[in-house]
């Protein structure tokens, strides 16, 4: 009986983790507030608070009130993110401020950043860069709303590339990049800024409040089981 009880407790914890944390697909941030003067923005991602400090340029839009620039869809979809951002929300940067930082009230697992128009198609010898505090991989890239074909009038392709595992380089670059592991904060600076670029973020999984409650309950049950034993 004791063994069966222990197995039931572990099973409950296992299913809580797998149903509440994994298998949800990408959860995109809903940005609900932004201030160009204060250089701040905030929102939520699956019930977790998202805070941003840094540059907030004039073309920032929140609450799904702007033009949806997350097109063509193929640019912002890939094996980890099969659908693009679910709203037109975007935080924009000109690249004239210092460090930009995103902080989560609880850790997220597997962070995806969609980037719009990093660098200019007319400055092919001067790509703009995002210099991150964490390593990333590029998931997808291509054209954007202004250059949907992915090739400029000068015949030069829109590109996102990695100068290193920490430095993202773009010439009218748009697409998705991925930061693996458990993340509570991400910072970056902009190099060779031009008219503006933009971003939003999503996560592969976040802990749901119900999951955390079940995990706590499971821990208490195990503690009682040990005392009873």
C-alpha atoms as a PDB file:
ATOM      1  CA  UNK A   1       0.000   0.000   0.000  1.00  0.00           C
ATOM      2  CA  UNK A   2       2.803   2.395   0.862  1.00  0.00           C
ATOM      3  CA  UNK A   3       4.536   1.705  -2.446  1.00  0.00           C
ATOM      4  CA  UNK A   4       1.294   2.195  -4.396  1.00  0.00           C
ATOM      5  CA  UNK A   5       0.656   5.497  -2.658  1.00  0.00           C
ATOM      6  CA  UNK A   6       4.137   6.705  -3.482  1.00  0.00           C
ATOM      7  CA  UNK A   7       3.713   5.738  -7.124  1.00  0.00           C
ATOM      8  CA  UNK A   8       0.430   7.655  -7.313  1.00  0.00           C
ATOM      9  CA  UNK A   9       2.059  10.777  -5.902  1.00  0.00           C
ATOM     10  CA  UNK A  10       4.942  10.611  -8.361  1.00  0.00           C
ATOM     11  CA  UNK A  11       2.484  10.012 -11.233  1.00  0.00           C
ATOM     12  CA  UNK A  12       0.498  13.109 -10.262  1.00  0.00           C
ATOM     13  CA  UNK A  13       3.651  15.213 -10.230  1.00  0.00           C
ATOM     14  CA  UNK A  14       4.805  13.774 -13.551  1.00  0.00           C
ATOM     15  CA  UNK A  15       1.531  14.534 -15.345  1.00  0.00           C
ATOM     16  CA  UNK A  16       1.333  18.001 -13.796  1.00  0.00           C
ATOM     17  CA  UNK A  17       4.730  18.863 -15.184  1.00  0.00           C
ATOM     18  CA  UNK A  18       4.080  17.432 -18.614  1.00  0.00           C
ATOM     19  CA  UNK A  19       0.572  18.860 -19.027  1.00  0.00           C
ATOM     20  CA  UNK A  20       1.146  22.193 -17.321  1.00  0.00           C
ATOM     21  CA  UNK A  21       4.615  23.050 -18.563  1.00  0.00           C
ATOM     22  CA  UNK A  22       5.241  21.174 -21.801  1.00  0.00           C
ATOM     23  CA  UNK A  23       3.341  20.674 -25.040  1.00  0.00           C
ATOM     24  CA  UNK A  24       1.722  24.100 -25.223  1.00  0.00           C
ATOM     25  CA  UNK A  25       3.525  25.381 -28.317  1.00  0.00           C
ATOM     26  CA  UNK A  26       4.744  28.975 -28.440  1.00  0.00           C
ATOM     27  CA  UNK A  27       3.087  31.402 -26.035  1.00  0.00           C
ATOM     28  CA  UNK A  28       3.528  34.951 -27.341  1.00  0.00           C
ATOM     29  CA  UNK A  29       3.785  37.998 -25.101  1.00  0.00           C
ATOM     30  CA  UNK A  30       0.795  40.292 -24.864  1.00  0.00           C
ATOM     31  CA  UNK A  31       2.274  43.772 -24.465  1.00  0.00           C
ATOM     32  CA  UNK A  32      -0.135  45.951 -22.454  1.00  0.00           C
ATOM     33  CA  UNK A  33       1.855  49.108 -21.621  1.00  0.00           C
ATOM     34  CA  UNK A  34       4.742  51.074 -23.116  1.00  0.00           C
ATOM     35  CA  UNK A  35       6.322  54.486 -22.583  1.00  0.00           C
ATOM     36  CA  UNK A  36       8.707  56.109 -25.052  1.00  0.00           C
ATOM     37  CA  UNK A  37       9.685  58.741 -22.458  1.00  0.00           C
ATOM     38  CA  UNK A  38      10.408  56.294 -19.622  1.00  0.00           C
ATOM     39  CA  UNK A  39      11.881  53.636 -21.905  1.00  0.00           C
ATOM     40  CA  UNK A  40       9.753  50.891 -20.403  1.00  0.00           C
ATOM     41  CA  UNK A  41       7.201  48.322 -21.520  1.00  0.00           C
ATOM     42  CA  UNK A  42       5.317  45.524 -19.804  1.00  0.00           C
ATOM     43  CA  UNK A  43       3.005  42.655 -20.546  1.00  0.00           C
ATOM     44  CA  UNK A  44       2.442  39.011 -19.764  1.00  0.00           C
ATOM     45  CA  UNK A  45       3.256  35.654 -21.215  1.00  0.00           C
ATOM     46  CA  UNK A  46       1.117  32.753 -20.060  1.00  0.00           C
ATOM     47  CA  UNK A  47       0.415  34.434 -16.715  1.00  0.00           C
ATOM     48  CA  UNK A  48       4.043  35.474 -16.130  1.00  0.00           C
ATOM     49  CA  UNK A  49       4.780  39.207 -15.953  1.00  0.00           C
ATOM     50  CA  UNK A  50       7.189  40.565 -18.549  1.00  0.00           C
ATOM     51  CA  UNK A  51       9.092  43.788 -17.851  1.00  0.00           C
ATOM     52  CA  UNK A  52      11.224  45.619 -20.406  1.00  0.00           C
ATOM     53  CA  UNK A  53      13.578  48.548 -19.878  1.00  0.00           C
ATOM     54  CA  UNK A  54      15.618  50.260 -22.565  1.00  0.00           C
ATOM     55  CA  UNK A  55      14.734  52.080 -25.732  1.00  0.00           C
ATOM     56  CA  UNK A  56      11.082  52.333 -26.776  1.00  0.00           C
ATOM     57  CA  UNK A  57      10.901  54.055 -30.148  1.00  0.00           C
ATOM     58  CA  UNK A  58       7.908  55.872 -31.639  1.00  0.00           C
ATOM     59  CA  UNK A  59       6.637  52.989 -33.793  1.00  0.00           C
ATOM     60  CA  UNK A  60       6.026  50.721 -30.794  1.00  0.00           C
ATOM     61  CA  UNK A  61       2.469  49.352 -30.698  1.00  0.00           C
ATOM     62  CA  UNK A  62       0.696  47.411 -27.939  1.00  0.00           C
ATOM     63  CA  UNK A  63      -2.684  45.813 -27.211  1.00  0.00           C
ATOM     64  CA  UNK A  64      -2.911  44.564 -30.812  1.00  0.00           C
ATOM     65  CA  UNK A  65      -3.684  48.106 -31.997  1.00  0.00           C
ATOM     66  CA  UNK A  66      -1.149  48.505 -34.785  1.00  0.00           C
ATOM     67  CA  UNK A  67      -0.315  47.175 -38.234  1.00  0.00           C
ATOM     68  CA  UNK A  68       0.707  43.540 -38.215  1.00  0.00           C
ATOM     69  CA  UNK A  69       4.282  43.536 -39.469  1.00  0.00           C
ATOM     70  CA  UNK A  70       4.867  39.845 -38.690  1.00  0.00           C
ATOM     71  CA  UNK A  71       4.593  38.943 -42.358  1.00  0.00           C
ATOM     72  CA  UNK A  72       5.317  37.132 -44.644  1.00  0.00           C
ATOM     73  CA  UNK A  73       4.351  34.228 -42.403  1.00  0.00           C
ATOM     74  CA  UNK A  74       7.188  32.049 -43.728  1.00  0.00           C
ATOM     75  CA  UNK A  75       9.765  34.483 -42.301  1.00  0.00           C
ATOM     76  CA  UNK A  76       8.487  34.020 -38.756  1.00  0.00           C
ATOM     77  CA  UNK A  77       7.584  30.311 -38.735  1.00  0.00           C
ATOM     78  CA  UNK A  78       9.802  27.300 -38.195  1.00  0.00           C
ATOM     79  CA  UNK A  79       9.891  23.922 -36.450  1.00  0.00           C
ATOM     80  CA  UNK A  80       9.796  25.460 -32.949  1.00  0.00           C
ATOM     81  CA  UNK A  81       7.392  28.285 -33.798  1.00  0.00           C
ATOM     82  CA  UNK A  82       4.870  26.935 -36.338  1.00  0.00           C
ATOM     83  CA  UNK A  83       2.710  30.062 -36.046  1.00  0.00           C
ATOM     84  CA  UNK A  84       3.810  33.733 -36.059  1.00  0.00           C
ATOM     85  CA  UNK A  85       3.056  36.156 -33.190  1.00  0.00           C
ATOM     86  CA  UNK A  86      -0.637  36.178 -32.360  1.00  0.00           C
ATOM     87  CA  UNK A  87      -0.965  39.986 -32.359  1.00  0.00           C
ATOM     88  CA  UNK A  88       0.564  43.061 -33.995  1.00  0.00           C
ATOM     89  CA  UNK A  89       2.363  44.042 -30.755  1.00  0.00           C
ATOM     90  CA  UNK A  90       5.937  45.172 -31.332  1.00  0.00           C
ATOM     91  CA  UNK A  91       8.596  47.057 -29.351  1.00  0.00           C
ATOM     92  CA  UNK A  92      10.770  49.180 -31.649  1.00  0.00           C
ATOM     93  CA  UNK A  93      14.355  50.426 -31.269  1.00  0.00           C
ATOM     94  CA  UNK A  94      16.367  53.012 -33.129  1.00  0.00           C
ATOM     95  CA  UNK A  95      19.629  51.963 -31.555  1.00  0.00           C
ATOM     96  CA  UNK A  96      20.523  55.206 -29.804  1.00  0.00           C
ATOM     97  CA  UNK A  97      20.064  54.034 -26.204  1.00  0.00           C
ATOM     98  CA  UNK A  98      22.180  51.815 -23.986  1.00  0.00           C
ATOM     99  CA  UNK A  99      21.274  48.364 -22.714  1.00  0.00           C
ATOM    100  CA  UNK A 100      17.862  46.829 -23.307  1.00  0.00           C
ATOM    101  CA  UNK A 101      16.668  44.245 -20.769  1.00  0.00           C
ATOM    102  CA  UNK A 102      13.706  41.871 -20.568  1.00  0.00           C
ATOM    103  CA  UNK A 103      12.907  40.362 -17.161  1.00  0.00           C
ATOM    104  CA  UNK A 104      10.359  37.658 -16.282  1.00  0.00           C
ATOM    105  CA  UNK A 105       8.626  37.362 -12.917  1.00  0.00           C
ATOM    106  CA  UNK A 106       9.149  33.581 -13.152  1.00  0.00           C
ATOM    107  CA  UNK A 107      11.525  31.623 -15.405  1.00  0.00           C
ATOM    108  CA  UNK A 108      10.432  30.712 -18.929  1.00  0.00           C
ATOM    109  CA  UNK A 109      11.814  27.742 -20.788  1.00  0.00           C
ATOM    110  CA  UNK A 110      12.965  28.235 -24.363  1.00  0.00           C
ATOM    111  CA  UNK A 111      12.715  31.901 -25.387  1.00  0.00           C
ATOM    112  CA  UNK A 112      11.904  32.899 -28.959  1.00  0.00           C
ATOM    113  CA  UNK A 113      12.497  36.440 -30.189  1.00  0.00           C
ATOM    114  CA  UNK A 114      10.994  37.589 -33.469  1.00  0.00           C
ATOM    115  CA  UNK A 115      13.033  40.398 -35.008  1.00  0.00           C
ATOM    116  CA  UNK A 116      11.820  42.876 -37.639  1.00  0.00           C
ATOM    117  CA  UNK A 117      14.000  44.884 -40.028  1.00  0.00           C
ATOM    118  CA  UNK A 118      17.373  44.731 -38.295  1.00  0.00           C
ATOM    119  CA  UNK A 119      19.635  46.864 -40.457  1.00  0.00           C
ATOM    120  CA  UNK A 120      18.996  48.578 -43.795  1.00  0.00           C
ATOM    121  CA  UNK A 121      18.948  47.086 -47.280  1.00  0.00           C
ATOM    122  CA  UNK A 122      20.633  50.325 -48.391  1.00  0.00           C
ATOM    123  CA  UNK A 123      23.567  49.845 -46.011  1.00  0.00           C
ATOM    124  CA  UNK A 124      24.864  46.468 -47.124  1.00  0.00           C
ATOM    125  CA  UNK A 125      28.357  47.208 -45.849  1.00  0.00           C
ATOM    126  CA  UNK A 126      27.119  48.366 -42.420  1.00  0.00           C
ATOM    127  CA  UNK A 127      24.846  45.730 -40.877  1.00  0.00           C
ATOM    128  CA  UNK A 128      23.101  46.514 -37.622  1.00  0.00           C
ATOM    129  CA  UNK A 129      23.618  44.166 -34.678  1.00  0.00           C
ATOM    130  CA  UNK A 130      21.953  42.950 -31.506  1.00  0.00           C
ATOM    131  CA  UNK A 131      24.643  42.002 -28.977  1.00  0.00           C
ATOM    132  CA  UNK A 132      23.047  39.594 -26.473  1.00  0.00           C
ATOM    133  CA  UNK A 133      23.915  38.473 -22.957  1.00  0.00           C
ATOM    134  CA  UNK A 134      22.933  34.884 -23.828  1.00  0.00           C
ATOM    135  CA  UNK A 135      23.795  32.656 -26.811  1.00  0.00           C
ATOM    136  CA  UNK A 136      21.175  32.136 -29.512  1.00  0.00           C
ATOM    137  CA  UNK A 137      20.495  30.208 -32.706  1.00  0.00           C
ATOM    138  CA  UNK A 138      18.682  31.485 -35.795  1.00  0.00           C
ATOM    139  CA  UNK A 139      15.504  29.530 -36.544  1.00  0.00           C
ATOM    140  CA  UNK A 140      14.247  31.305 -39.669  1.00  0.00           C
ATOM    141  CA  UNK A 141      14.658  34.476 -41.689  1.00  0.00           C
ATOM    142  CA  UNK A 142      13.426  36.115 -44.878  1.00  0.00           C
ATOM    143  CA  UNK A 143      11.596  39.102 -46.263  1.00  0.00           C
ATOM    144  CA  UNK A 144       9.374  41.502 -44.356  1.00  0.00           C
ATOM    145  CA  UNK A 145       6.425  43.828 -44.990  1.00  0.00           C
ATOM    146  CA  UNK A 146       8.598  46.306 -46.902  1.00  0.00           C
ATOM    147  CA  UNK A 147      10.614  43.737 -48.828  1.00  0.00           C
ATOM    148  CA  UNK A 148       8.315  40.686 -48.988  1.00  0.00           C
ATOM    149  CA  UNK A 149      10.363  38.952 -51.670  1.00  0.00           C
ATOM    150  CA  UNK A 150      13.430  39.046 -49.451  1.00  0.00           C
ATOM    151  CA  UNK A 151      15.462  40.810 -52.156  1.00  0.00           C
ATOM    152  CA  UNK A 152      15.877  44.588 -52.310  1.00  0.00           C
ATOM    153  CA  UNK A 153      15.719  46.782 -55.399  1.00  0.00           C
ATOM    154  CA  UNK A 154      19.512  46.775 -55.345  1.00  0.00           C
ATOM    155  CA  UNK A 155      19.447  42.998 -55.758  1.00  0.00           C
ATOM    156  CA  UNK A 156      20.809  42.404 -52.262  1.00  0.00           C
ATOM    157  CA  UNK A 157      19.025  39.793 -50.112  1.00  0.00           C
ATOM    158  CA  UNK A 158      17.549  40.521 -46.699  1.00  0.00           C
ATOM    159  CA  UNK A 159      19.667  38.605 -44.218  1.00  0.00           C
ATOM    160  CA  UNK A 160      19.895  37.656 -40.565  1.00  0.00           C
ATOM    161  CA  UNK A 161      23.201  36.076 -39.647  1.00  0.00           C
ATOM    162  CA  UNK A 162      25.241  35.305 -36.552  1.00  0.00           C
ATOM    163  CA  UNK A 163      28.594  37.057 -36.180  1.00  0.00           C
ATOM    164  CA  UNK A 164      28.993  34.847 -33.107  1.00  0.00           C
ATOM    165  CA  UNK A 165      26.659  32.890 -30.826  1.00  0.00           C
ATOM    166  CA  UNK A 166      25.991  36.201 -29.006  1.00  0.00           C
ATOM    167  CA  UNK A 167      25.882  38.737 -31.884  1.00  0.00           C
ATOM    168  CA  UNK A 168      22.992  38.861 -34.343  1.00  0.00           C
ATOM    169  CA  UNK A 169      23.680  40.773 -37.552  1.00  0.00           C
ATOM    170  CA  UNK A 170      21.094  42.080 -39.987  1.00  0.00           C
ATOM    171  CA  UNK A 171      20.752  43.766 -43.357  1.00  0.00           C
ATOM    172  CA  UNK A 172      16.998  44.373 -43.466  1.00  0.00           C
ATOM    173  CA  UNK A 173      16.995  41.164 -41.453  1.00  0.00           C
ATOM    174  CA  UNK A 174      13.767  39.672 -40.140  1.00  0.00           C
ATOM    175  CA  UNK A 175      13.043  36.295 -38.585  1.00  0.00           C
ATOM    176  CA  UNK A 176      13.071  34.204 -35.414  1.00  0.00           C
ATOM    177  CA  UNK A 177      15.914  33.413 -33.029  1.00  0.00           C
ATOM    178  CA  UNK A 178      15.982  31.009 -30.106  1.00  0.00           C
ATOM    179  CA  UNK A 179      17.514  31.080 -26.608  1.00  0.00           C
ATOM    180  CA  UNK A 180      17.510  27.648 -24.985  1.00  0.00           C
ATOM    181  CA  UNK A 181      17.136  26.682 -21.352  1.00  0.00           C
ATOM    182  CA  UNK A 182      15.485  28.342 -18.385  1.00  0.00           C
ATOM    183  CA  UNK A 183      15.599  32.131 -18.634  1.00  0.00           C
ATOM    184  CA  UNK A 184      14.702  34.870 -16.160  1.00  0.00           C
ATOM    185  CA  UNK A 185      16.392  37.810 -17.911  1.00  0.00           C
ATOM    186  CA  UNK A 186      17.861  38.750 -21.291  1.00  0.00           C
ATOM    187  CA  UNK A 187      19.867  41.880 -22.165  1.00  0.00           C
ATOM    188  CA  UNK A 188      21.312  43.287 -25.373  1.00  0.00           C
ATOM    189  CA  UNK A 189      22.688  46.413 -27.008  1.00  0.00           C
ATOM    190  CA  UNK A 190      22.213  47.663 -30.576  1.00  0.00           C
ATOM    191  CA  UNK A 191      25.162  48.334 -32.835  1.00  0.00           C
ATOM    192  CA  UNK A 192      25.041  50.485 -36.006  1.00  0.00           C
ATOM    193  CA  UNK A 193      21.424  51.445 -35.453  1.00  0.00           C
ATOM    194  CA  UNK A 194      19.433  52.870 -38.375  1.00  0.00           C
ATOM    195  CA  UNK A 195      15.831  54.034 -38.893  1.00  0.00           C
ATOM    196  CA  UNK A 196      14.440  51.361 -36.566  1.00  0.00           C
ATOM    197  CA  UNK A 197      14.076  47.668 -35.853  1.00  0.00           C
ATOM    198  CA  UNK A 198      11.551  45.834 -33.707  1.00  0.00           C
ATOM    199  CA  UNK A 199      10.948  42.709 -31.677  1.00  0.00           C
ATOM    200  CA  UNK A 200       8.501  40.661 -29.675  1.00  0.00           C
ATOM    201  CA  UNK A 201       9.058  37.513 -27.635  1.00  0.00           C
ATOM    202  CA  UNK A 202       7.469  34.151 -26.988  1.00  0.00           C
ATOM    203  CA  UNK A 203       8.246  31.096 -24.882  1.00  0.00           C
ATOM    204  CA  UNK A 204       8.000  27.388 -25.581  1.00  0.00           C
ATOM    205  CA  UNK A 205       6.686  26.749 -22.081  1.00  0.00           C
ATOM    206  CA  UNK A 206       5.864  28.497 -18.828  1.00  0.00           C
ATOM    207  CA  UNK A 207       4.759  26.997 -15.502  1.00  0.00           C
ATOM    208  CA  UNK A 208       1.019  27.400 -15.033  1.00  0.00           C
ATOM    209  CA  UNK A 209      -0.284  28.390 -11.574  1.00  0.00           C
ATOM    210  CA  UNK A 210      -2.234  25.125 -11.368  1.00  0.00           C
ATOM    211  CA  UNK A 211       0.895  23.158 -12.136  1.00  0.00           C
ATOM    212  CA  UNK A 212       2.852  24.891  -9.420  1.00  0.00           C
ATOM    213  CA  UNK A 213       0.027  24.180  -6.975  1.00  0.00           C
ATOM    214  CA  UNK A 214       0.018  20.491  -7.906  1.00  0.00           C
ATOM    215  CA  UNK A 215       3.782  20.305  -7.522  1.00  0.00           C
ATOM    216  CA  UNK A 216       3.516  21.891  -4.069  1.00  0.00           C
ATOM    217  CA  UNK A 217       0.752  19.465  -3.131  1.00  0.00           C
ATOM    218  CA  UNK A 218       2.835  16.560  -4.342  1.00  0.00           C
ATOM    219  CA  UNK A 219       5.762  17.730  -2.240  1.00  0.00           C
ATOM    220  CA  UNK A 220       3.574  17.961   0.862  1.00  0.00           C
ATOM    221  CA  UNK A 221       2.152  14.486   0.201  1.00  0.00           C
ATOM    222  CA  UNK A 222       5.648  13.040  -0.102  1.00  0.00           C
ATOM    223  CA  UNK A 223       6.668  14.746   3.130  1.00  0.00           C
ATOM    224  CA  UNK A 224       3.655  13.323   4.960  1.00  0.00           C
ATOM    225  CA  UNK A 225       4.312   9.915   3.432  1.00  0.00           C
ATOM    226  CA  UNK A 226       7.861   9.911   4.765  1.00  0.00           C
ATOM    227  CA  UNK A 227       6.703  10.968   8.251  1.00  0.00           C
ATOM    228  CA  UNK A 228       3.960   8.299   8.247  1.00  0.00           C
ATOM    229  CA  UNK A 229       6.432   5.677   7.092  1.00  0.00           C
END
